[in-house]
């Protein structure tokens, strides 16, 4: 899991994603990630559930393992993007 702490509160709906850019990991790559935390209110952080594969996600995982407290000091993001899915009528939501 990666938690992105935001400089200002942002409204995120179910099904939204962000484009994450971390210059220390990949200088010229923006990677899309689904936001796994959302609420009716604006949020001051976003949780991303990431399965390391190749490229950006593997580098991010390795960086987190090797840095103090797993912290990346600078990250930029675009979004949130996407079409919101109404989930208010459901007791449980499973994101795949």
N, C-alpha and C. Protein backbone atom coordinates (compact mmCIF):
# COMPACT_ATOMS: atom_id res chain seq x y z
N UNK A 1 0.84 -1.18 0.00
CA UNK A 1 0.00 0.00 0.00
C UNK A 1 0.89 1.24 0.00
N UNK A 2 0.47 2.22 -0.74
CA UNK A 2 1.14 3.51 -0.78
C UNK A 2 0.13 4.56 -0.35
N UNK A 3 0.54 5.42 0.56
CA UNK A 3 -0.32 6.53 1.00
C UNK A 3 0.30 7.82 0.49
N UNK A 4 -0.50 8.59 -0.27
CA UNK A 4 -0.07 9.87 -0.79
C UNK A 4 -0.69 10.94 0.08
N UNK A 5 0.15 11.68 0.82
CA UNK A 5 -0.34 12.79 1.64
C UNK A 5 -0.45 14.02 0.76
N UNK A 6 -1.60 14.67 0.83
CA UNK A 6 -1.91 15.76 -0.08
C UNK A 6 -1.70 17.13 0.58
N UNK A 7 -1.26 18.12 -0.20
CA UNK A 7 -1.10 19.46 0.34
C UNK A 7 -2.44 20.16 0.59
N UNK A 8 -3.46 19.71 -0.12
CA UNK A 8 -4.83 20.23 0.11
C UNK A 8 -5.81 19.08 -0.05
N UNK A 9 -6.96 19.23 0.54
CA UNK A 9 -7.96 18.16 0.52
C UNK A 9 -8.57 18.02 -0.88
N UNK A 10 -8.82 16.76 -1.27
CA UNK A 10 -9.34 16.44 -2.60
C UNK A 10 -10.53 15.50 -2.45
N UNK A 11 -11.56 15.70 -3.27
CA UNK A 11 -12.74 14.83 -3.28
C UNK A 11 -12.48 13.69 -4.26
N UNK A 12 -12.58 12.46 -3.77
CA UNK A 12 -12.37 11.26 -4.59
C UNK A 12 -13.61 10.39 -4.49
N UNK A 13 -14.08 9.91 -5.62
CA UNK A 13 -15.24 9.02 -5.66
C UNK A 13 -14.79 7.60 -5.98
N UNK A 14 -15.66 6.65 -5.70
CA UNK A 14 -15.38 5.24 -6.01
C UNK A 14 -15.09 5.09 -7.50
N UNK A 15 -14.04 4.37 -7.83
CA UNK A 15 -13.67 4.13 -9.22
C UNK A 15 -12.72 5.16 -9.80
N UNK A 16 -12.38 6.21 -9.04
CA UNK A 16 -11.45 7.22 -9.54
C UNK A 16 -10.02 6.70 -9.51
N UNK A 17 -9.19 7.26 -10.37
CA UNK A 17 -7.77 6.93 -10.37
C UNK A 17 -6.95 8.21 -10.46
N UNK A 18 -5.67 8.10 -10.13
CA UNK A 18 -4.76 9.24 -10.25
C UNK A 18 -3.58 8.81 -11.12
N UNK A 19 -2.92 9.80 -11.70
CA UNK A 19 -1.65 9.58 -12.37
C UNK A 19 -0.56 9.99 -11.40
N UNK A 20 0.32 9.08 -11.02
CA UNK A 20 1.35 9.34 -10.03
C UNK A 20 2.71 9.50 -10.71
N UNK A 21 3.40 10.58 -10.36
CA UNK A 21 4.72 10.88 -10.91
C UNK A 21 5.69 11.07 -9.75
N UNK A 22 6.73 10.24 -9.71
CA UNK A 22 7.75 10.34 -8.67
C UNK A 22 9.10 10.44 -9.38
N UNK A 23 9.65 11.66 -9.48
CA UNK A 23 10.89 11.84 -10.23
C UNK A 23 12.04 10.96 -9.75
N UNK A 24 12.11 10.67 -8.47
CA UNK A 24 13.20 9.85 -7.93
C UNK A 24 13.09 8.39 -8.41
N UNK A 25 11.89 7.95 -8.77
CA UNK A 25 11.66 6.58 -9.23
C UNK A 25 11.81 6.48 -10.75
N UNK A 26 11.12 7.34 -11.47
CA UNK A 26 11.17 7.34 -12.93
C UNK A 26 11.01 8.78 -13.40
N UNK A 27 12.05 9.32 -13.97
CA UNK A 27 12.10 10.74 -14.30
C UNK A 27 11.01 11.18 -15.28
N UNK A 28 10.64 10.34 -16.21
CA UNK A 28 9.70 10.79 -17.25
C UNK A 28 8.45 9.92 -17.37
N UNK A 29 8.02 9.29 -16.27
CA UNK A 29 6.88 8.38 -16.35
C UNK A 29 5.80 8.75 -15.33
N UNK A 30 4.57 8.83 -15.81
CA UNK A 30 3.40 8.98 -14.95
C UNK A 30 2.67 7.65 -15.00
N UNK A 31 2.35 7.10 -13.83
CA UNK A 31 1.73 5.78 -13.78
C UNK A 31 0.33 5.91 -13.17
N UNK A 32 -0.70 5.30 -13.79
CA UNK A 32 -2.07 5.37 -13.25
C UNK A 32 -2.28 4.35 -12.13
N UNK A 33 -2.97 4.78 -11.08
CA UNK A 33 -3.33 3.89 -9.98
C UNK A 33 -4.76 4.18 -9.52
N UNK A 34 -5.52 3.13 -9.25
CA UNK A 34 -6.86 3.27 -8.68
C UNK A 34 -6.72 3.68 -7.22
N UNK A 35 -7.54 4.63 -6.81
CA UNK A 35 -7.56 5.06 -5.40
C UNK A 35 -8.45 4.10 -4.63
N UNK A 36 -7.91 3.49 -3.58
CA UNK A 36 -8.68 2.50 -2.81
C UNK A 36 -9.31 3.11 -1.57
N UNK A 37 -9.13 4.39 -1.35
CA UNK A 37 -9.78 5.06 -0.22
C UNK A 37 -10.61 6.21 -0.77
N UNK A 38 -11.85 6.24 -0.38
CA UNK A 38 -12.71 7.36 -0.78
C UNK A 38 -13.76 7.57 0.30
N UNK A 39 -14.32 8.76 0.31
CA UNK A 39 -15.36 9.06 1.28
C UNK A 39 -16.25 10.16 0.72
N UNK A 40 -17.29 10.47 1.45
CA UNK A 40 -18.20 11.55 1.04
C UNK A 40 -17.52 12.92 1.20
N UNK A 41 -16.54 13.00 2.06
CA UNK A 41 -15.83 14.25 2.34
C UNK A 41 -14.53 14.31 1.53
N UNK A 42 -13.97 15.51 1.44
CA UNK A 42 -12.65 15.66 0.84
C UNK A 42 -11.62 14.98 1.74
N UNK A 43 -10.57 14.43 1.14
CA UNK A 43 -9.56 13.68 1.87
C UNK A 43 -8.22 14.42 1.86
N UNK A 44 -7.42 14.20 2.91
CA UNK A 44 -6.09 14.80 2.94
C UNK A 44 -5.00 13.79 2.60
N UNK A 45 -5.40 12.54 2.29
CA UNK A 45 -4.46 11.53 1.81
C UNK A 45 -5.22 10.53 0.94
N UNK A 46 -4.47 9.87 0.06
CA UNK A 46 -5.05 8.87 -0.83
C UNK A 46 -4.29 7.56 -0.63
N UNK A 47 -5.01 6.46 -0.52
CA UNK A 47 -4.39 5.14 -0.41
C UNK A 47 -4.45 4.45 -1.77
N UNK A 48 -3.32 3.88 -2.16
CA UNK A 48 -3.21 3.14 -3.41
C UNK A 48 -2.73 1.74 -3.08
N UNK A 49 -3.42 0.74 -3.55
CA UNK A 49 -3.01 -0.65 -3.35
C UNK A 49 -2.23 -1.07 -4.60
N UNK A 50 -0.94 -1.39 -4.42
CA UNK A 50 -0.06 -1.63 -5.56
C UNK A 50 0.56 -3.01 -5.46
N UNK A 51 0.45 -3.77 -6.53
CA UNK A 51 1.13 -5.06 -6.65
C UNK A 51 2.35 -4.84 -7.54
N UNK A 52 3.56 -4.94 -6.99
CA UNK A 52 4.75 -4.71 -7.80
C UNK A 52 4.82 -5.70 -8.97
N UNK A 53 5.02 -5.16 -10.15
CA UNK A 53 5.19 -5.99 -11.35
C UNK A 53 6.58 -5.70 -11.92
N UNK A 54 6.61 -5.00 -13.04
CA UNK A 54 7.88 -4.61 -13.66
C UNK A 54 7.94 -3.09 -13.70
N UNK A 55 9.08 -2.56 -14.06
CA UNK A 55 9.21 -1.13 -14.29
C UNK A 55 8.94 -0.28 -13.07
N UNK A 56 8.00 0.67 -13.22
CA UNK A 56 7.72 1.67 -12.20
C UNK A 56 7.34 1.05 -10.86
N UNK A 57 6.42 0.09 -10.86
CA UNK A 57 5.95 -0.47 -9.58
C UNK A 57 7.05 -1.26 -8.87
N UNK A 58 7.89 -1.94 -9.61
CA UNK A 58 9.01 -2.66 -8.98
C UNK A 58 10.02 -1.67 -8.39
N UNK A 59 10.32 -0.60 -9.13
CA UNK A 59 11.23 0.43 -8.62
C UNK A 59 10.66 1.10 -7.38
N UNK A 60 9.36 1.36 -7.38
CA UNK A 60 8.71 1.97 -6.22
C UNK A 60 8.80 1.05 -5.00
N UNK A 61 8.56 -0.23 -5.20
CA UNK A 61 8.64 -1.21 -4.12
C UNK A 61 10.06 -1.27 -3.55
N UNK A 62 11.06 -1.34 -4.43
CA UNK A 62 12.46 -1.40 -3.99
C UNK A 62 12.85 -0.13 -3.25
N UNK A 63 12.42 1.02 -3.76
CA UNK A 63 12.74 2.29 -3.11
C UNK A 63 12.13 2.33 -1.71
N UNK A 64 10.89 1.89 -1.59
CA UNK A 64 10.22 1.87 -0.28
C UNK A 64 10.91 0.96 0.71
N UNK A 65 11.42 -0.18 0.25
CA UNK A 65 12.13 -1.11 1.13
C UNK A 65 13.46 -0.54 1.60
N UNK A 66 14.12 0.24 0.75
CA UNK A 66 15.46 0.71 1.05
C UNK A 66 15.53 2.11 1.65
N UNK A 67 14.43 2.84 1.71
CA UNK A 67 14.47 4.21 2.25
C UNK A 67 13.99 4.21 3.70
N UNK A 68 14.44 5.18 4.49
CA UNK A 68 14.01 5.26 5.89
C UNK A 68 12.48 5.41 5.97
N UNK A 69 11.85 4.56 6.74
CA UNK A 69 10.39 4.56 6.93
C UNK A 69 9.63 4.36 5.63
N UNK A 70 10.29 3.94 4.56
CA UNK A 70 9.61 3.72 3.29
C UNK A 70 9.04 4.98 2.68
N UNK A 71 9.63 6.14 3.00
CA UNK A 71 9.06 7.42 2.62
C UNK A 71 9.70 7.98 1.36
N UNK A 72 8.85 8.44 0.44
CA UNK A 72 9.29 9.20 -0.72
C UNK A 72 8.93 10.65 -0.42
N UNK A 73 9.87 11.54 -0.53
CA UNK A 73 9.64 12.94 -0.13
C UNK A 73 8.84 13.75 -1.15
N UNK A 74 8.99 13.46 -2.43
CA UNK A 74 8.28 14.26 -3.42
C UNK A 74 7.58 13.38 -4.44
N UNK A 75 6.30 13.60 -4.56
CA UNK A 75 5.49 12.92 -5.57
C UNK A 75 4.47 13.91 -6.09
N UNK A 76 4.17 13.85 -7.35
CA UNK A 76 3.15 14.69 -7.96
C UNK A 76 2.07 13.78 -8.52
N UNK A 77 0.86 14.29 -8.60
CA UNK A 77 -0.21 13.48 -9.18
C UNK A 77 -1.15 14.34 -9.99
N UNK A 78 -1.83 13.71 -10.92
CA UNK A 78 -2.91 14.36 -11.65
C UNK A 78 -4.18 13.62 -11.32
N UNK A 79 -5.27 14.35 -11.32
CA UNK A 79 -6.55 13.71 -11.03
C UNK A 79 -7.19 14.24 -9.79
N UNK A 80 -8.17 13.57 -9.29
CA UNK A 80 -8.63 12.25 -9.71
C UNK A 80 -9.36 12.29 -11.05
N UNK A 81 -9.24 11.18 -11.77
CA UNK A 81 -9.87 10.99 -13.07
C UNK A 81 -10.82 9.81 -12.97
N UNK A 82 -11.72 9.72 -13.93
CA UNK A 82 -12.56 8.53 -14.03
C UNK A 82 -14.03 8.84 -13.89
N UNK A 83 -14.79 7.80 -14.09
CA UNK A 83 -16.24 7.86 -13.95
C UNK A 83 -16.58 7.19 -12.64
N UNK A 84 -17.24 7.91 -11.79
CA UNK A 84 -17.59 7.40 -10.47
C UNK A 84 -18.66 6.32 -10.57
N UNK A 85 -18.51 5.31 -9.74
CA UNK A 85 -19.51 4.24 -9.66
C UNK A 85 -20.29 4.42 -8.37
N UNK A 86 -21.63 4.48 -8.43
CA UNK A 86 -22.40 4.63 -7.20
C UNK A 86 -22.31 3.37 -6.34
N UNK A 87 -21.80 3.51 -5.12
CA UNK A 87 -21.62 2.35 -4.25
C UNK A 87 -22.42 2.47 -2.96
N UNK A 88 -23.20 3.51 -2.82
CA UNK A 88 -23.94 3.75 -1.59
C UNK A 88 -24.96 2.68 -1.25
N UNK A 89 -25.45 1.95 -2.25
CA UNK A 89 -26.47 0.93 -2.01
C UNK A 89 -25.88 -0.42 -1.64
N UNK A 90 -24.54 -0.53 -1.60
CA UNK A 90 -23.90 -1.81 -1.34
C UNK A 90 -23.28 -1.84 0.05
N UNK A 91 -23.36 -2.98 0.68
CA UNK A 91 -22.77 -3.17 2.00
C UNK A 91 -21.26 -3.38 1.90
N UNK A 92 -20.81 -4.09 0.86
CA UNK A 92 -19.41 -4.40 0.65
C UNK A 92 -19.05 -4.12 -0.80
N UNK A 93 -17.86 -3.54 -1.01
CA UNK A 93 -17.36 -3.27 -2.36
C UNK A 93 -16.00 -3.92 -2.47
N UNK A 94 -15.79 -4.74 -3.50
CA UNK A 94 -14.53 -5.39 -3.76
C UNK A 94 -13.94 -4.80 -5.03
N UNK A 95 -12.73 -4.25 -4.92
CA UNK A 95 -12.06 -3.67 -6.10
C UNK A 95 -11.04 -4.66 -6.62
N UNK A 96 -11.07 -4.93 -7.91
CA UNK A 96 -10.14 -5.87 -8.52
C UNK A 96 -9.32 -5.12 -9.55
